[in-house]
Amino acid sequence: MANKISEEQLKQLQEQVQKLNAIKHDLGALRLQQHGLEHAAFEIMQEQEKLKQELEQEHGKISVNLQDGTFEPITEEAEVVE
């Protein structure tokens, strides 16, 4: 007769392996999703920088109110040297 673990132990071991494999699968899917989100965020940041440059060419350096679209010029204070 061959050495064999109990049916209950075998069932527990199989369930644990299945759960671990499912977790590994989910982690891989999350990494792919994270990569996609990072790429999308980078693209939006590039678009935002392009729009900022267009706005600066048209209006100079400004601060925009995102609620109503009004803006105020940004004045750069001269450095005081004593």
PDB file of N, CA and C in Angstrom:
ATOM      1  N   MET A   1       0.832  -1.184   0.000  1.00  0.00           N
ATOM      2  CA  MET A   1       0.000   0.000   0.000  1.00  0.00           C
ATOM      3  C   MET A   1       0.877   1.249   0.000  1.00  0.00           C
ATOM      4  N   ALA A   2       0.541   2.212  -0.842  1.00  0.00           N
ATOM      5  CA  ALA A   2       1.304   3.452  -0.962  1.00  0.00           C
ATOM      6  C   ALA A   2       0.980   4.393   0.190  1.00  0.00           C
ATOM      7  N   ASN A   3       1.958   5.206   0.537  1.00  0.00           N
ATOM      8  CA  ASN A   3       1.724   6.227   1.554  1.00  0.00           C
ATOM      9  C   ASN A   3       0.768   7.269   0.999  1.00  0.00           C
ATOM     10  N   LYS A   4      -0.214   7.674   1.765  1.00  0.00           N
ATOM     11  CA  LYS A   4      -1.235   8.580   1.259  1.00  0.00           C
ATOM     12  C   LYS A   4      -1.776   9.414   2.420  1.00  0.00           C
ATOM     13  N   ILE A   5      -1.989  10.730   2.119  1.00  0.00           N
ATOM     14  CA  ILE A   5      -2.596  11.584   3.141  1.00  0.00           C
ATOM     15  C   ILE A   5      -4.102  11.351   3.142  1.00  0.00           C
ATOM     16  N   SER A   6      -4.760  11.826   4.179  1.00  0.00           N
ATOM     17  CA  SER A   6      -6.207  11.604   4.276  1.00  0.00           C
ATOM     18  C   SER A   6      -6.947  12.424   3.218  1.00  0.00           C
ATOM     19  N   GLU A   7      -8.160  11.998   2.933  1.00  0.00           N
ATOM     20  CA  GLU A   7      -8.991  12.706   1.954  1.00  0.00           C
ATOM     21  C   GLU A   7      -9.218  14.161   2.390  1.00  0.00           C
ATOM     22  N   GLU A   8      -9.444  14.354   3.688  1.00  0.00           N
ATOM     23  CA  GLU A   8      -9.667  15.708   4.214  1.00  0.00           C
ATOM     24  C   GLU A   8      -8.422  16.574   4.035  1.00  0.00           C
ATOM     25  N   GLN A   9      -7.257  16.030   4.307  1.00  0.00           N
ATOM     26  CA  GLN A   9      -6.012  16.771   4.124  1.00  0.00           C
ATOM     27  C   GLN A   9      -5.778  17.092   2.651  1.00  0.00           C
ATOM     28  N   LEU A  10      -6.066  16.136   1.791  1.00  0.00           N
ATOM     29  CA  LEU A  10      -5.918  16.347   0.355  1.00  0.00           C
ATOM     30  C   LEU A  10      -6.847  17.464  -0.110  1.00  0.00           C
ATOM     31  N   LYS A  11      -8.088  17.424   0.373  1.00  0.00           N
ATOM     32  CA  LYS A  11      -9.066  18.452   0.007  1.00  0.00           C
ATOM     33  C   LYS A  11      -8.580  19.823   0.475  1.00  0.00           C
ATOM     34  N   GLN A  12      -8.083  19.920   1.701  1.00  0.00           N
ATOM     35  CA  GLN A  12      -7.569  21.194   2.215  1.00  0.00           C
ATOM     36  C   GLN A  12      -6.405  21.696   1.370  1.00  0.00           C
ATOM     37  N   LEU A  13      -5.486  20.817   1.055  1.00  0.00           N
ATOM     38  CA  LEU A  13      -4.318  21.179   0.264  1.00  0.00           C
ATOM     39  C   LEU A  13      -4.730  21.674  -1.126  1.00  0.00           C
ATOM     40  N   GLN A  14      -5.653  20.972  -1.761  1.00  0.00           N
ATOM     41  CA  GLN A  14      -6.135  21.368  -3.088  1.00  0.00           C
ATOM     42  C   GLN A  14      -6.810  22.746  -3.040  1.00  0.00           C
ATOM     43  N   GLU A  15      -7.629  22.987  -2.007  1.00  0.00           N
ATOM     44  CA  GLU A  15      -8.306  24.285  -1.865  1.00  0.00           C
ATOM     45  C   GLU A  15      -7.297  25.413  -1.674  1.00  0.00           C
ATOM     46  N   GLN A  16      -6.279  25.139  -0.856  1.00  0.00           N
ATOM     47  CA  GLN A  16      -5.254  26.156  -0.620  1.00  0.00           C
ATOM     48  C   GLN A  16      -4.504  26.499  -1.908  1.00  0.00           C
ATOM     49  N   VAL A  17      -4.169  25.484  -2.689  1.00  0.00           N
ATOM     50  CA  VAL A  17      -3.470  25.711  -3.956  1.00  0.00           C
ATOM     51  C   VAL A  17      -4.359  26.505  -4.912  1.00  0.00           C
ATOM     52  N   GLN A  18      -5.646  26.169  -4.979  1.00  0.00           N
ATOM     53  CA  GLN A  18      -6.574  26.890  -5.840  1.00  0.00           C
ATOM     54  C   GLN A  18      -6.695  28.354  -5.426  1.00  0.00           C
ATOM     55  N   LYS A  19      -6.805  28.596  -4.114  1.00  0.00           N
ATOM     56  CA  LYS A  19      -6.905  29.975  -3.616  1.00  0.00           C
ATOM     57  C   LYS A  19      -5.637  30.765  -3.941  1.00  0.00           C
ATOM     58  N   LEU A  20      -4.488  30.136  -3.738  1.00  0.00           N
ATOM     59  CA  LEU A  20      -3.226  30.811  -4.027  1.00  0.00           C
ATOM     60  C   LEU A  20      -3.109  31.129  -5.519  1.00  0.00           C
ATOM     61  N   ASN A  21      -3.487  30.201  -6.364  1.00  0.00           N
ATOM     62  CA  ASN A  21      -3.449  30.443  -7.810  1.00  0.00           C
ATOM     63  C   ASN A  21      -4.390  31.582  -8.200  1.00  0.00           C
ATOM     64  N   ALA A  22      -5.572  31.637  -7.576  1.00  0.00           N
ATOM     65  CA  ALA A  22      -6.523  32.722  -7.857  1.00  0.00           C
ATOM     66  C   ALA A  22      -5.938  34.068  -7.438  1.00  0.00           C
ATOM     67  N   ILE A  23      -5.270  34.097  -6.291  1.00  0.00           N
ATOM     68  CA  ILE A  23      -4.642  35.338  -5.827  1.00  0.00           C
ATOM     69  C   ILE A  23      -3.540  35.770  -6.784  1.00  0.00           C
ATOM     70  N   LYS A  24      -2.727  34.825  -7.219  1.00  0.00           N
ATOM     71  CA  LYS A  24      -1.660  35.149  -8.176  1.00  0.00           C
ATOM     72  C   LYS A  24      -2.252  35.711  -9.471  1.00  0.00           C
ATOM     73  N   HIS A  25      -3.335  35.120  -9.938  1.00  0.00           N
ATOM     74  CA  HIS A  25      -4.002  35.606 -11.144  1.00  0.00           C
ATOM     75  C   HIS A  25      -4.499  37.032 -10.945  1.00  0.00           C
ATOM     76  N   ASP A  26      -5.166  37.269  -9.794  1.00  0.00           N
ATOM     77  CA  ASP A  26      -5.701  38.598  -9.510  1.00  0.00           C
ATOM     78  C   ASP A  26      -4.589  39.638  -9.397  1.00  0.00           C
ATOM     79  N   LEU A  27      -3.468  39.260  -8.789  1.00  0.00           N
ATOM     80  CA  LEU A  27      -2.339  40.193  -8.691  1.00  0.00           C
ATOM     81  C   LEU A  27      -1.814  40.566 -10.071  1.00  0.00           C
ATOM     82  N   GLY A  28      -1.734  39.596 -10.961  1.00  0.00           N
ATOM     83  CA  GLY A  28      -1.298  39.882 -12.324  1.00  0.00           C
ATOM     84  C   GLY A  28      -2.257  40.827 -13.024  1.00  0.00           C
ATOM     85  N   ALA A  29      -3.550  40.600 -12.843  1.00  0.00           N
ATOM     86  CA  ALA A  29      -4.551  41.473 -13.453  1.00  0.00           C
ATOM     87  C   ALA A  29      -4.454  42.886 -12.879  1.00  0.00           C
ATOM     88  N   LEU A  30      -4.214  42.993 -11.573  1.00  0.00           N
ATOM     89  CA  LEU A  30      -4.065  44.308 -10.952  1.00  0.00           C
ATOM     90  C   LEU A  30      -2.840  45.048 -11.476  1.00  0.00           C
ATOM     91  N   ARG A  31      -1.763  44.313 -11.682  1.00  0.00           N
ATOM     92  CA  ARG A  31      -0.550  44.950 -12.224  1.00  0.00           C
ATOM     93  C   ARG A  31      -0.805  45.482 -13.629  1.00  0.00           C
ATOM     94  N   LEU A  32      -1.529  44.716 -14.426  1.00  0.00           N
ATOM     95  CA  LEU A  32      -1.866  45.191 -15.770  1.00  0.00           C
ATOM     96  C   LEU A  32      -2.753  46.421 -15.704  1.00  0.00           C
ATOM     97  N   GLN A  33      -3.729  46.395 -14.805  1.00  0.00           N
ATOM     98  CA  GLN A  33      -4.624  47.541 -14.646  1.00  0.00           C
ATOM     99  C   GLN A  33      -3.834  48.761 -14.169  1.00  0.00           C
ATOM    100  N   GLN A  34      -2.926  48.568 -13.217  1.00  0.00           N
ATOM    101  CA  GLN A  34      -2.109  49.667 -12.719  1.00  0.00           C
ATOM    102  C   GLN A  34      -1.278  50.270 -13.851  1.00  0.00           C
ATOM    103  N   HIS A  35      -0.682  49.419 -14.660  1.00  0.00           N
ATOM    104  CA  HIS A  35       0.128  49.902 -15.785  1.00  0.00           C
ATOM    105  C   HIS A  35      -0.731  50.738 -16.735  1.00  0.00           C
ATOM    106  N   GLY A  36      -1.930  50.251 -17.026  1.00  0.00           N
ATOM    107  CA  GLY A  36      -2.828  50.990 -17.910  1.00  0.00           C
ATOM    108  C   GLY A  36      -3.216  52.340 -17.328  1.00  0.00           C
ATOM    109  N   LEU A  37      -3.487  52.371 -16.028  1.00  0.00           N
ATOM    110  CA  LEU A  37      -3.860  53.631 -15.379  1.00  0.00           C
ATOM    111  C   LEU A  37      -2.688  54.607 -15.342  1.00  0.00           C
ATOM    112  N   GLU A  38      -1.490  54.098 -15.089  1.00  0.00           N
ATOM    113  CA  GLU A  38      -0.310  54.967 -15.088  1.00  0.00           C
ATOM    114  C   GLU A  38      -0.100  55.571 -16.479  1.00  0.00           C
ATOM    115  N   HIS A  39      -0.287  54.776 -17.509  1.00  0.00           N
ATOM    116  CA  HIS A  39      -0.135  55.258 -18.880  1.00  0.00           C
ATOM    117  C   HIS A  39      -1.190  56.329 -19.185  1.00  0.00           C
ATOM    118  N   ALA A  40      -2.433  56.086 -18.780  1.00  0.00           N
ATOM    119  CA  ALA A  40      -3.505  57.056 -19.015  1.00  0.00           C
ATOM    120  C   ALA A  40      -3.226  58.363 -18.272  1.00  0.00           C
ATOM    121  N   ALA A  41      -2.739  58.268 -17.030  1.00  0.00           N
ATOM    122  CA  ALA A  41      -2.423  59.468 -16.249  1.00  0.00           C
ATOM    123  C   ALA A  41      -1.301  60.255 -16.918  1.00  0.00           C
ATOM    124  N   PHE A  42      -0.293  59.572 -17.423  1.00  0.00           N
ATOM    125  CA  PHE A  42       0.817  60.239 -18.105  1.00  0.00           C
ATOM    126  C   PHE A  42       0.317  60.990 -19.336  1.00  0.00           C
ATOM    127  N   GLU A  43      -0.571  60.367 -20.108  1.00  0.00           N
ATOM    128  CA  GLU A  43      -1.113  61.021 -21.297  1.00  0.00           C
ATOM    129  C   GLU A  43      -1.894  62.283 -20.928  1.00  0.00           C
ATOM    130  N   ILE A  44      -2.679  62.205 -19.862  1.00  0.00           N
ATOM    131  CA  ILE A  44      -3.450  63.380 -19.430  1.00  0.00           C
ATOM    132  C   ILE A  44      -2.514  64.486 -18.964  1.00  0.00           C
ATOM    133  N   MET A  45      -1.449  64.130 -18.256  1.00  0.00           N
ATOM    134  CA  MET A  45      -0.488  65.139 -17.812  1.00  0.00           C
ATOM    135  C   MET A  45       0.169  65.822 -19.013  1.00  0.00           C
ATOM    136  N   GLN A  46       0.454  65.067 -20.065  1.00  0.00           N
ATOM    137  CA  GLN A  46       1.034  65.656 -21.275  1.00  0.00           C
ATOM    138  C   GLN A  46       0.037  66.606 -21.930  1.00  0.00           C
ATOM    139  N   GLU A  47      -1.233  66.200 -22.007  1.00  0.00           N
ATOM    140  CA  GLU A  47      -2.266  67.056 -22.591  1.00  0.00           C
ATOM    141  C   GLU A  47      -2.433  68.318 -21.763  1.00  0.00           C
ATOM    142  N   GLN A  48      -2.384  68.178 -20.449  1.00  0.00           N
ATOM    143  CA  GLN A  48      -2.531  69.323 -19.555  1.00  0.00           C
ATOM    144  C   GLN A  48      -1.368  70.301 -19.742  1.00  0.00           C
ATOM    145  N   GLU A  49      -0.162  69.789 -19.881  1.00  0.00           N
ATOM    146  CA  GLU A  49       0.996  70.653 -20.100  1.00  0.00           C
ATOM    147  C   GLU A  49       0.875  71.398 -21.424  1.00  0.00           C
ATOM    148  N   LYS A  50       0.390  70.717 -22.449  1.00  0.00           N
ATOM    149  CA  LYS A  50       0.206  71.353 -23.756  1.00  0.00           C
ATOM    150  C   LYS A  50      -0.819  72.484 -23.652  1.00  0.00           C
ATOM    151  N   LEU A  51      -1.931  72.229 -22.965  1.00  0.00           N
ATOM    152  CA  LEU A  51      -2.950  73.260 -22.797  1.00  0.00           C
ATOM    153  C   LEU A  51      -2.404  74.429 -21.985  1.00  0.00           C
ATOM    154  N   LYS A  52      -1.616  74.137 -20.944  1.00  0.00           N
ATOM    155  CA  LYS A  52      -1.007  75.191 -20.130  1.00  0.00           C
ATOM    156  C   LYS A  52      -0.134  76.089 -20.995  1.00  0.00           C
ATOM    157  N   GLN A  53       0.654  75.489 -21.877  1.00  0.00           N
ATOM    158  CA  GLN A  53       1.516  76.274 -22.765  1.00  0.00           C
ATOM    159  C   GLN A  53       0.679  77.129 -23.709  1.00  0.00           C
ATOM    160  N   GLU A  54      -0.414  76.583 -24.244  1.00  0.00           N
ATOM    161  CA  GLU A  54      -1.303  77.351 -25.126  1.00  0.00           C
ATOM    162  C   GLU A  54      -1.920  78.531 -24.383  1.00  0.00           C
ATOM    163  N   LEU A  55      -2.358  78.281 -23.152  1.00  0.00           N
ATOM    164  CA  LEU A  55      -2.948  79.354 -22.353  1.00  0.00           C
ATOM    165  C   LEU A  55      -1.919  80.434 -22.037  1.00  0.00           C
ATOM    166  N   GLU A  56      -0.685  80.036 -21.733  1.00  0.00           N
ATOM    167  CA  GLU A  56       0.360  81.014 -21.443  1.00  0.00           C
ATOM    168  C   GLU A  56       0.700  81.840 -22.667  1.00  0.00           C
ATOM    169  N   GLN A  57       0.683  81.232 -23.851  1.00  0.00           N
ATOM    170  CA  GLN A  57       0.949  81.994 -25.076  1.00  0.00           C
ATOM    171  C   GLN A  57      -0.158  83.019 -25.319  1.00  0.00           C
ATOM    172  N   GLU A  58      -1.379  82.636 -24.999  1.00  0.00           N
ATOM    173  CA  GLU A  58      -2.521  83.517 -25.246  1.00  0.00           C
ATOM    174  C   GLU A  58      -2.704  84.578 -24.163  1.00  0.00           C
ATOM    175  N   HIS A  59      -2.488  84.211 -22.892  1.00  0.00           N
ATOM    176  CA  HIS A  59      -2.813  85.111 -21.790  1.00  0.00           C
ATOM    177  C   HIS A  59      -1.634  85.445 -20.883  1.00  0.00           C
ATOM    178  N   GLY A  60      -0.469  84.849 -21.106  1.00  0.00           N
ATOM    179  CA  GLY A  60       0.636  84.989 -20.164  1.00  0.00           C
ATOM    180  C   GLY A  60       0.425  84.001 -19.019  1.00  0.00           C
ATOM    181  N   LYS A  61       1.235  84.114 -17.983  1.00  0.00           N
ATOM    182  CA  LYS A  61       1.085  83.207 -16.850  1.00  0.00           C
ATOM    183  C   LYS A  61      -0.167  83.600 -16.073  1.00  0.00           C
ATOM    184  N   ILE A  62      -1.060  82.618 -15.906  1.00  0.00           N
ATOM    185  CA  ILE A  62      -2.325  82.891 -15.229  1.00  0.00           C
ATOM    186  C   ILE A  62      -2.654  81.789 -14.240  1.00  0.00           C
ATOM    187  N   SER A  63      -3.547  82.125 -13.331  1.00  0.00           N
ATOM    188  CA  SER A  63      -4.119  81.157 -12.402  1.00  0.00           C
ATOM    189  C   SER A  63      -5.593  81.045 -12.752  1.00  0.00           C
ATOM    190  N   VAL A  64      -6.054  79.846 -13.093  1.00  0.00           N
ATOM    191  CA  VAL A  64      -7.422  79.652 -13.568  1.00  0.00           C
ATOM    192  C   VAL A  64      -8.294  79.099 -12.452  1.00  0.00           C
ATOM    193  N   ASN A  65      -9.475  79.688 -12.291  1.00  0.00           N
ATOM    194  CA  ASN A  65     -10.484  79.168 -11.370  1.00  0.00           C
ATOM    195  C   ASN A  65     -11.189  78.028 -12.100  1.00  0.00           C
ATOM    196  N   LEU A  66     -11.044  76.821 -11.602  1.00  0.00           N
ATOM    197  CA  LEU A  66     -11.621  75.653 -12.280  1.00  0.00           C
ATOM    198  C   LEU A  66     -13.131  75.573 -12.128  1.00  0.00           C
ATOM    199  N   GLN A  67     -13.714  76.389 -11.252  1.00  0.00           N
ATOM    200  CA  GLN A  67     -15.167  76.380 -11.079  1.00  0.00           C
ATOM    201  C   GLN A  67     -15.872  77.160 -12.179  1.00  0.00           C
ATOM    202  N   ASP A  68     -15.333  78.353 -12.514  1.00  0.00           N
ATOM    203  CA  ASP A  68     -16.049  79.195 -13.484  1.00  0.00           C
ATOM    204  C   ASP A  68     -15.215  79.636 -14.681  1.00  0.00           C
ATOM    205  N   GLY A  69     -13.931  79.276 -14.707  1.00  0.00           N
ATOM    206  CA  GLY A  69     -13.098  79.603 -15.861  1.00  0.00           C
ATOM    207  C   GLY A  69     -12.466  80.986 -15.811  1.00  0.00           C
ATOM    208  N   THR A  70     -12.733  81.746 -14.771  1.00  0.00           N
ATOM    209  CA  THR A  70     -12.078  83.047 -14.665  1.00  0.00           C
ATOM    210  C   THR A  70     -10.612  82.834 -14.339  1.00  0.00           C
ATOM    211  N   PHE A  71      -9.812  83.870 -14.657  1.00  0.00           N
ATOM    212  CA  PHE A  71      -8.390  83.744 -14.360  1.00  0.00           C
ATOM    213  C   PHE A  71      -7.825  85.081 -13.918  1.00  0.00           C
ATOM    214  N   GLU A  72      -6.703  84.966 -13.241  1.00  0.00           N
ATOM    215  CA  GLU A  72      -5.967  86.144 -12.812  1.00  0.00           C
ATOM    216  C   GLU A  72      -4.524  85.977 -13.242  1.00  0.00           C
ATOM    217  N   PRO A  73      -3.895  87.056 -13.652  1.00  0.00           N
ATOM    218  CA  PRO A  73      -2.477  86.973 -14.022  1.00  0.00           C
ATOM    219  C   PRO A  73      -1.638  86.623 -12.792  1.00  0.00           C
ATOM    220  N   ILE A  74      -0.590  85.878 -13.020  1.00  0.00           N
ATOM    221  CA  ILE A  74       0.363  85.554 -11.957  1.00  0.00           C
ATOM    222  C   ILE A  74       1.481  86.571 -12.055  1.00  0.00           C
ATOM    223  N   THR A  75       1.660  87.315 -10.988  1.00  0.00           N
ATOM    224  CA  THR A  75       2.740  88.299 -10.979  1.00  0.00           C
ATOM    225  C   THR A  75       3.910  87.707 -10.228  1.00  0.00           C
ATOM    226  N   GLU A  76       5.049  87.770 -10.846  1.00  0.00           N
ATOM    227  CA  GLU A  76       6.254  87.248 -10.215  1.00  0.00           C
ATOM    228  C   GLU A  76       6.908  88.388  -9.458  1.00  0.00           C
ATOM    229  N   GLU A  77       7.062  88.191  -8.170  1.00  0.00           N
ATOM    230  CA  GLU A  77       7.665  89.209  -7.334  1.00  0.00           C
ATOM    231  C   GLU A  77       9.181  89.196  -7.534  1.00  0.00           C
ATOM    232  N   ALA A  78       9.742  90.397  -7.630  1.00  0.00           N
ATOM    233  CA  ALA A  78      11.181  90.502  -7.773  1.00  0.00           C
ATOM    234  C   ALA A  78      11.848  90.131  -6.465  1.00  0.00           C
ATOM    235  N   GLU A  79      12.973  89.470  -6.576  1.00  0.00           N
ATOM    236  CA  GLU A  79      13.711  89.094  -5.377  1.00  0.00           C
ATOM    237  C   GLU A  79      14.317  90.332  -4.732  1.00  0.00           C
ATOM    238  N   VAL A  80      14.209  90.405  -3.434  1.00  0.00           N
ATOM    239  CA  VAL A  80      14.781  91.519  -2.695  1.00  0.00           C
ATOM    240  C   VAL A  80      16.154  91.078  -2.189  1.00  0.00           C
ATOM    241  N   VAL A  81      17.180  91.803  -2.599  1.00  0.00           N
ATOM    242  CA  VAL A  81      18.543  91.493  -2.187  1.00  0.00           C
ATOM    243  C   VAL A  81      18.987  92.577  -1.223  1.00  0.00           C
ATOM    244  N   GLU A  82      19.385  92.167  -0.039  1.00  0.00           N
ATOM    245  CA  GLU A  82      19.800  93.164   0.957  1.00  0.00           C
ATOM    246  C   GLU A  82      21.279  93.153   1.130  1.00  0.00           C
TER     247      GLU A  82
END
